[in-house]
Structures are given as C-alpha cells and as structure tokens.
C-alpha cells in the first residue's frame, strides 16, 4: 500500500496562510514555500506523490511542480540524509581547497558525492555558488553556512551533527510563522 501524502493539520494551516498571501489566480507564487514545507514534512525529499499533493493544493498541473522542484538544488528528488552536506564547487572554493574537502568527507563517511551514509544521517552533494566566496571554502548544511572550512573543521562539524542526530533543512516553519502579517 502506498503512503498517503497529506500535510499535518498544523502544516496545512500554514500552507493555506501562505497561499492566501497571493491574489486570486496567482496562487502558483506560493510554490517554493510549499515545496519547502513538503520536503520538511515528507522525510527530507520530494517524491512524485508529494509533488502531486502540492500541485493539488495550488490547483496547478503536476508538471509545473516537477519543473520547479527539479530546477533548484535545494530540493531533493530522492531520499537524502538528515544532514545534506552541500559543498560549493565553483572557482573560489575549489581554488581554496573544496576538492580536498569533498575527498575528505567521502573518505570519512565512506560515501561518494551524491550518496547517503547507510545510517541515513549524511548525504554529500556538490553545488554551484553558495555566495560566500570571501570565506571559501564553504559548506552549507540546512540553513547553516560553515565557512573557511578545513578537514579538521569538517571533522568537528560531522561529529557535532552526528551527536545531535537532527534533520537539518533549508527552511523552517518558525521563519514562515514569524513573517505573518
């Protein structure tokens, strides 16, 4: 039996408040925050049924959701670890050691880029510019930027996240609730 995709009552109420921010006929503008909510609510990734559910809430075609979700690297279209480690791979970060950091993480976690640890804790991903060139190399985990990274700092970061065992996301409901009018 397949899983039914439906927001919790709290998340559905929040989604409805977000949708109401936009004029009638322009509800599609709520797509990005609703995708973030769906990713948070549905185990850190967006399956086709989860995206179909978002499309139904916005009264748009599922393909419109798929196009947006597949465009942005902040959305996971396959299961991801609780901590998605995103290492910037653009020039400044690469020149200052990001490649060595990626290799170090791969060795430390015994995974390759794009893979998840067997315990489901970490996924390693390389991404385009994280807009912090002045503090390169940079790693983003959820909302947190880890700047001026070294292999030693990576080890501390991994140990810290492992000990907490929490899911880290790019988007938190508390930020949406704080921005209510």
C-alpha atoms as a PDB file:
ATOM      1  CA  UNK A   1       0.000   0.000   0.000  1.00  0.00           C
ATOM      2  CA  UNK A   2       1.396   3.392  -0.946  1.00  0.00           C
ATOM      3  CA  UNK A   3       1.824   6.205   1.525  1.00  0.00           C
ATOM      4  CA  UNK A   4      -0.834   8.911   1.532  1.00  0.00           C
ATOM      5  CA  UNK A   5       0.675  12.348   1.195  1.00  0.00           C
ATOM      6  CA  UNK A   6      -1.122  14.910   3.263  1.00  0.00           C
ATOM      7  CA  UNK A   7       0.208  17.718   5.445  1.00  0.00           C
ATOM      8  CA  UNK A   8      -0.351  17.613   9.181  1.00  0.00           C
ATOM      9  CA  UNK A   9      -3.107  19.962  10.345  1.00  0.00           C
ATOM     10  CA  UNK A  10      -0.507  22.499  11.513  1.00  0.00           C
ATOM     11  CA  UNK A  11       1.403  22.443   8.221  1.00  0.00           C
ATOM     12  CA  UNK A  12      -1.783  22.558   6.160  1.00  0.00           C
ATOM     13  CA  UNK A  13      -2.927  25.660   8.077  1.00  0.00           C
ATOM     14  CA  UNK A  14       0.459  27.259   7.433  1.00  0.00           C
ATOM     15  CA  UNK A  15       0.280  26.332   3.732  1.00  0.00           C
ATOM     16  CA  UNK A  16      -3.172  27.912   3.473  1.00  0.00           C
ATOM     17  CA  UNK A  17      -1.875  31.127   5.092  1.00  0.00           C
ATOM     18  CA  UNK A  18       0.999  31.210   2.593  1.00  0.00           C
ATOM     19  CA  UNK A  19      -1.361  30.661  -0.358  1.00  0.00           C
ATOM     20  CA  UNK A  20      -3.635  33.483   0.846  1.00  0.00           C
ATOM     21  CA  UNK A  21      -0.741  35.955   0.589  1.00  0.00           C
ATOM     22  CA  UNK A  22      -1.157  35.920  -3.182  1.00  0.00           C
ATOM     23  CA  UNK A  23      -4.020  37.365  -5.259  1.00  0.00           C
ATOM     24  CA  UNK A  24      -6.698  35.113  -6.702  1.00  0.00           C
ATOM     25  CA  UNK A  25      -5.313  33.341  -9.751  1.00  0.00           C
ATOM     26  CA  UNK A  26      -1.701  33.851  -8.638  1.00  0.00           C
ATOM     27  CA  UNK A  27      -1.516  31.060  -6.047  1.00  0.00           C
ATOM     28  CA  UNK A  28       1.267  29.392  -8.032  1.00  0.00           C
ATOM     29  CA  UNK A  29       3.507  32.057  -6.472  1.00  0.00           C
ATOM     30  CA  UNK A  30       3.320  30.011  -3.251  1.00  0.00           C
ATOM     31  CA  UNK A  31       5.022  27.051  -4.928  1.00  0.00           C
ATOM     32  CA  UNK A  32       8.537  27.484  -3.488  1.00  0.00           C
ATOM     33  CA  UNK A  33       7.493  27.789   0.168  1.00  0.00           C
ATOM     34  CA  UNK A  34       5.037  24.893  -0.239  1.00  0.00           C
ATOM     35  CA  UNK A  35       7.781  22.713  -1.731  1.00  0.00           C
ATOM     36  CA  UNK A  36       9.949  23.542   1.267  1.00  0.00           C
ATOM     37  CA  UNK A  37       7.091  22.580   3.606  1.00  0.00           C
ATOM     38  CA  UNK A  38       6.541  19.337   1.701  1.00  0.00           C
ATOM     39  CA  UNK A  39      10.212  18.439   1.806  1.00  0.00           C
ATOM     40  CA  UNK A  40      10.272  19.109   5.549  1.00  0.00           C
ATOM     41  CA  UNK A  41       7.064  17.193   6.197  1.00  0.00           C
ATOM     42  CA  UNK A  42       7.824  14.207   3.951  1.00  0.00           C
ATOM     43  CA  UNK A  43      11.191  12.950   5.230  1.00  0.00           C
ATOM     44  CA  UNK A  44      13.508  15.467   3.589  1.00  0.00           C
ATOM     45  CA  UNK A  45      12.721  14.793  -0.061  1.00  0.00           C
ATOM     46  CA  UNK A  46      10.061  15.302  -2.725  1.00  0.00           C
ATOM     47  CA  UNK A  47       8.622  12.149  -4.250  1.00  0.00           C
ATOM     48  CA  UNK A  48       6.262  12.361  -7.229  1.00  0.00           C
ATOM     49  CA  UNK A  49       3.209  11.787  -4.957  1.00  0.00           C
ATOM     50  CA  UNK A  50       4.413  14.562  -2.608  1.00  0.00           C
ATOM     51  CA  UNK A  51       4.758  16.952  -5.554  1.00  0.00           C
ATOM     52  CA  UNK A  52       1.346  15.875  -6.861  1.00  0.00           C
ATOM     53  CA  UNK A  53      -0.106  16.788  -3.464  1.00  0.00           C
ATOM     54  CA  UNK A  54       1.457  20.265  -3.651  1.00  0.00           C
ATOM     55  CA  UNK A  55       0.038  20.669  -7.164  1.00  0.00           C
ATOM     56  CA  UNK A  56      -3.431  19.777  -5.866  1.00  0.00           C
ATOM     57  CA  UNK A  57      -3.174  22.384  -3.092  1.00  0.00           C
ATOM     58  CA  UNK A  58      -2.261  25.070  -5.616  1.00  0.00           C
ATOM     59  CA  UNK A  59      -4.681  23.814  -8.284  1.00  0.00           C
ATOM     60  CA  UNK A  60      -1.905  23.561 -10.888  1.00  0.00           C
ATOM     61  CA  UNK A  61      -0.636  20.747 -13.093  1.00  0.00           C
ATOM     62  CA  UNK A  62       1.885  18.348 -11.506  1.00  0.00           C
ATOM     63  CA  UNK A  63       4.386  19.054 -14.322  1.00  0.00           C
ATOM     64  CA  UNK A  64       4.511  22.690 -13.166  1.00  0.00           C
ATOM     65  CA  UNK A  65       5.675  21.478  -9.747  1.00  0.00           C
ATOM     66  CA  UNK A  66       8.158  18.963 -11.194  1.00  0.00           C
ATOM     67  CA  UNK A  67       9.746  21.655 -13.375  1.00  0.00           C
ATOM     68  CA  UNK A  68      10.384  23.928 -10.408  1.00  0.00           C
ATOM     69  CA  UNK A  69      11.462  21.196  -7.981  1.00  0.00           C
ATOM     70  CA  UNK A  70      13.952  19.760 -10.482  1.00  0.00           C
ATOM     71  CA  UNK A  71      15.449  23.182 -11.247  1.00  0.00           C
ATOM     72  CA  UNK A  72      16.532  24.157  -7.728  1.00  0.00           C
ATOM     73  CA  UNK A  73      19.304  22.237  -5.947  1.00  0.00           C
ATOM     74  CA  UNK A  74      17.681  22.929  -2.566  1.00  0.00           C
ATOM     75  CA  UNK A  75      15.013  20.342  -3.360  1.00  0.00           C
ATOM     76  CA  UNK A  76      15.834  16.647  -3.085  1.00  0.00           C
ATOM     77  CA  UNK A  77      14.145  14.415  -5.630  1.00  0.00           C
ATOM     78  CA  UNK A  78      15.432  11.262  -3.982  1.00  0.00           C
ATOM     79  CA  UNK A  79      15.801  10.346  -0.310  1.00  0.00           C
ATOM     80  CA  UNK A  80      18.530  12.306   1.453  1.00  0.00           C
ATOM     81  CA  UNK A  81      20.232  12.027   4.800  1.00  0.00           C
ATOM     82  CA  UNK A  82      19.147  14.028   7.814  1.00  0.00           C
ATOM     83  CA  UNK A  83      22.109  16.309   7.128  1.00  0.00           C
ATOM     84  CA  UNK A  84      22.592  17.223   3.498  1.00  0.00           C
ATOM     85  CA  UNK A  85      26.187  18.423   3.223  1.00  0.00           C
ATOM     86  CA  UNK A  86      26.427  20.827   0.291  1.00  0.00           C
ATOM     87  CA  UNK A  87      29.971  21.735  -0.709  1.00  0.00           C
ATOM     88  CA  UNK A  88      30.440  24.660  -3.097  1.00  0.00           C
ATOM     89  CA  UNK A  89      32.251  23.545  -6.234  1.00  0.00           C
ATOM     90  CA  UNK A  90      32.725  26.878  -8.001  1.00  0.00           C
ATOM     91  CA  UNK A  91      36.093  28.504  -8.667  1.00  0.00           C
ATOM     92  CA  UNK A  92      36.960  30.350  -5.445  1.00  0.00           C
ATOM     93  CA  UNK A  93      36.001  27.426  -3.206  1.00  0.00           C
ATOM     94  CA  UNK A  94      37.748  24.893  -5.448  1.00  0.00           C
ATOM     95  CA  UNK A  95      40.921  27.005  -5.539  1.00  0.00           C
ATOM     96  CA  UNK A  96      40.918  27.226  -1.741  1.00  0.00           C
ATOM     97  CA  UNK A  97      40.513  23.501  -1.100  1.00  0.00           C
ATOM     98  CA  UNK A  98      36.901  22.415  -1.642  1.00  0.00           C
ATOM     99  CA  UNK A  99      38.046  19.474  -3.769  1.00  0.00           C
ATOM    100  CA  UNK A 100      40.202  18.206  -0.887  1.00  0.00           C
ATOM    101  CA  UNK A 101      37.283  18.687   1.497  1.00  0.00           C
ATOM    102  CA  UNK A 102      34.968  16.651  -0.741  1.00  0.00           C
ATOM    103  CA  UNK A 103      37.560  13.849  -0.895  1.00  0.00           C
ATOM    104  CA  UNK A 104      37.995  14.042   2.891  1.00  0.00           C
ATOM    105  CA  UNK A 105      34.228  13.786   3.502  1.00  0.00           C
ATOM    106  CA  UNK A 106      33.951  10.885   1.051  1.00  0.00           C
ATOM    107  CA  UNK A 107      36.714   9.024   2.873  1.00  0.00           C
ATOM    108  CA  UNK A 108      35.470   9.906   6.366  1.00  0.00           C
ATOM    109  CA  UNK A 109      31.858   8.869   5.646  1.00  0.00           C
ATOM    110  CA  UNK A 110      32.732   6.096   3.165  1.00  0.00           C
ATOM    111  CA  UNK A 111      30.388   7.513   0.528  1.00  0.00           C
ATOM    112  CA  UNK A 112      30.800   9.245  -2.825  1.00  0.00           C
ATOM    113  CA  UNK A 113      29.305  12.559  -3.888  1.00  0.00           C
ATOM    114  CA  UNK A 114      25.553  12.078  -4.344  1.00  0.00           C
ATOM    115  CA  UNK A 115      25.384   9.171  -1.880  1.00  0.00           C
ATOM    116  CA  UNK A 116      23.940   8.802   1.614  1.00  0.00           C
ATOM    117  CA  UNK A 117      25.518   7.029   4.574  1.00  0.00           C
ATOM    118  CA  UNK A 118      23.933   3.647   5.413  1.00  0.00           C
ATOM    119  CA  UNK A 119      22.552   5.072   8.697  1.00  0.00           C
ATOM    120  CA  UNK A 120      20.690   7.794   6.757  1.00  0.00           C
ATOM    121  CA  UNK A 121      22.470  10.581   8.615  1.00  0.00           C
ATOM    122  CA  UNK A 122      24.507  12.279   5.865  1.00  0.00           C
ATOM    123  CA  UNK A 123      24.218  12.914   2.136  1.00  0.00           C
ATOM    124  CA  UNK A 124      27.097  14.571   0.281  1.00  0.00           C
ATOM    125  CA  UNK A 125      26.321  16.900  -2.601  1.00  0.00           C
ATOM    126  CA  UNK A 126      28.382  19.424  -4.547  1.00  0.00           C
ATOM    127  CA  UNK A 127      26.537  22.572  -5.574  1.00  0.00           C
ATOM    128  CA  UNK A 128      27.054  25.759  -7.502  1.00  0.00           C
ATOM    129  CA  UNK A 129      27.975  29.017  -5.820  1.00  0.00           C
ATOM    130  CA  UNK A 130      26.789  29.459  -2.237  1.00  0.00           C
ATOM    131  CA  UNK A 131      27.579  33.200  -2.453  1.00  0.00           C
ATOM    132  CA  UNK A 132      30.260  33.305   0.244  1.00  0.00           C
ATOM    133  CA  UNK A 133      33.397  33.499  -1.876  1.00  0.00           C
ATOM    134  CA  UNK A 134      35.168  35.696   0.670  1.00  0.00           C
ATOM    135  CA  UNK A 135      35.031  32.901   3.250  1.00  0.00           C
ATOM    136  CA  UNK A 136      35.770  29.966   0.943  1.00  0.00           C
ATOM    137  CA  UNK A 137      35.702  27.044   1.011  1.00  0.00           C
ATOM    138  CA  UNK A 138      32.113  26.888   2.184  1.00  0.00           C
ATOM    139  CA  UNK A 139      29.730  24.111   3.179  1.00  0.00           C
ATOM    140  CA  UNK A 140      26.022  24.523   3.757  1.00  0.00           C
ATOM    141  CA  UNK A 141      24.057  22.149   5.994  1.00  0.00           C
ATOM    142  CA  UNK A 142      20.423  23.163   6.222  1.00  0.00           C
ATOM    143  CA  UNK A 143      20.321  26.883   6.966  1.00  0.00           C
ATOM    144  CA  UNK A 144      23.861  26.952   8.355  1.00  0.00           C
ATOM    145  CA  UNK A 145      26.912  28.083   6.427  1.00  0.00           C
ATOM    146  CA  UNK A 146      30.235  26.634   7.550  1.00  0.00           C
ATOM    147  CA  UNK A 147      32.935  28.989   6.293  1.00  0.00           C
ATOM    148  CA  UNK A 148      36.732  28.844   5.874  1.00  0.00           C
ATOM    149  CA  UNK A 149      36.497  25.071   6.067  1.00  0.00           C
ATOM    150  CA  UNK A 150      39.431  22.756   6.638  1.00  0.00           C
ATOM    151  CA  UNK A 151      39.474  18.985   7.028  1.00  0.00           C
ATOM    152  CA  UNK A 152      39.759  19.462  10.801  1.00  0.00           C
ATOM    153  CA  UNK A 153      36.729  21.772  10.855  1.00  0.00           C
ATOM    154  CA  UNK A 154      34.829  19.227   8.725  1.00  0.00           C
ATOM    155  CA  UNK A 155      35.541  16.514  11.301  1.00  0.00           C
ATOM    156  CA  UNK A 156      34.225  18.747  14.112  1.00  0.00           C
ATOM    157  CA  UNK A 157      31.145  19.641  12.052  1.00  0.00           C
ATOM    158  CA  UNK A 158      30.360  15.987  11.253  1.00  0.00           C
ATOM    159  CA  UNK A 159      30.798  14.930  14.892  1.00  0.00           C
ATOM    160  CA  UNK A 160      28.516  17.758  16.042  1.00  0.00           C
ATOM    161  CA  UNK A 161      25.723  16.887  13.597  1.00  0.00           C
ATOM    162  CA  UNK A 162      26.093  13.157  14.295  1.00  0.00           C
ATOM    163  CA  UNK A 163      25.789  13.702  18.060  1.00  0.00           C
ATOM    164  CA  UNK A 164      22.621  15.807  17.626  1.00  0.00           C
ATOM    165  CA  UNK A 165      21.042  13.432  15.101  1.00  0.00           C
ATOM    166  CA  UNK A 166      18.546  16.084  13.938  1.00  0.00           C
ATOM    167  CA  UNK A 167      17.237  16.717  10.440  1.00  0.00           C
ATOM    168  CA  UNK A 168      18.598  19.964   9.029  1.00  0.00           C
ATOM    169  CA  UNK A 169      16.622  21.769   6.340  1.00  0.00           C
ATOM    170  CA  UNK A 170      16.950  24.936   4.273  1.00  0.00           C
ATOM    171  CA  UNK A 171      13.588  26.098   5.506  1.00  0.00           C
ATOM    172  CA  UNK A 172      11.992  26.184   8.906  1.00  0.00           C
ATOM    173  CA  UNK A 173       8.323  26.684   9.738  1.00  0.00           C
ATOM    174  CA  UNK A 174       9.242  29.113  12.509  1.00  0.00           C
ATOM    175  CA  UNK A 175      10.556  31.577   9.917  1.00  0.00           C
ATOM    176  CA  UNK A 176       7.304  31.482   7.987  1.00  0.00           C
ATOM    177  CA  UNK A 177       5.280  31.909  11.169  1.00  0.00           C
ATOM    178  CA  UNK A 178       7.480  34.844  12.224  1.00  0.00           C
ATOM    179  CA  UNK A 179       6.709  36.620   8.953  1.00  0.00           C
ATOM    180  CA  UNK A 180       2.938  36.572   9.331  1.00  0.00           C
ATOM    181  CA  UNK A 181       1.095  39.878   8.991  1.00  0.00           C
END
